[in-house]
């Protein structure tokens, strides 16, 4: 390899310096009439949640490199590709890319469901910047690669999502880009078609194209990439060899799982403690209520007993009737309650005349004698 070829191969074609990107997500909340009156029906009371998708990203990719990017959902992978593709603008920082970019980010974007597959090939090709003459010359190759057969003449609204993705990828295969950005699009179609897609990407690689490949599939990463970036929470945590990068990523996932497990355990323990406390409090409340109900019932029974004694003293009821009613009132009482009941009636008798008091004590004696 001569010096010119060496310099060309080591040429930086993608460069990001201190790139930051965040999104404001609107969070709805209930608004009162007072809010409307104060704000004058404006958006003043809207609440937003700030999501930092990329945080101070620094990245250099040389010509011909095949760089894989892995990370959990919401790690910032797709946002990074869109920044490189200039689909999104960063909030701050510097972004540079050189050459024609083929962004395989969301296959099928820009298709018209009311047009046929053939018509959408020309439409999507135009959006990718492919000349109409070239599309017409390679139309047969596109249709054959998609394996859509007679469906190519149907309107797109009759296609499945897999058929749409296959058509979109097939159109991209005739593009001649310098940089290919791939975001989880190799899962289109069946296993045979997926293999065709991977072979096409490997063809791009053999032709010295620069590839940035986002995937959750370690086998595809190993097959296509010679460098790996691991992202998490908008940060680049690792940038190096593929094998070491996958080990790093697996360790990261295990660490996150362990943290989640600890949090779940803490939450479970706190929940259990709260439930035990709640059960204890409920038992106390139940006991208290039971005591209160019993006390109320005893008060009512004591009142009734006093009324019975007054009817006896006033000769409005005979002794047998009063004694029977008193037995009925006291039959559910325990020894302690019977004693308290007797003492209360004994104290009640002190308010009567001597003869009446003796009569009351007599019937109480008979009551106690029957209950023993």
Foldseek 3Di string as FASTA:
>chain_A
DDPVVVCQQQAWFKWWFQFWAKDWAWDDDDDDPVNCVVVVNDCVPIDTDIATQAGGDTDTDGFLAAEEEEEDPSLNQLVVLCCQVVVDPTPDTDIGGDWQEAEARPQLPQADQQAALLVRLQRVCVVSVHDPVLCVVCVVVLCVLLVPPPSRRPGNVPDDPLSRLSSRLSSSLSDDIQEYEEAPSLVRDDPVSSVVSLVSLVVCSVVRHYYYYYDPDLVSCVVRHQWYWYGGSNDTPDTGGSVVVVVVRVVVVVVVVVVVVVVVVVVVVVVVVVVVVVVVVVVVVVVVVVVVVVVVLLVVLLVVLLVLLVCPLVVVDDLVVSLVSNCVSCVPPDPVSLVVSLVVVLVVLVVDDPVSSVVSVVSSVVSVVVVD
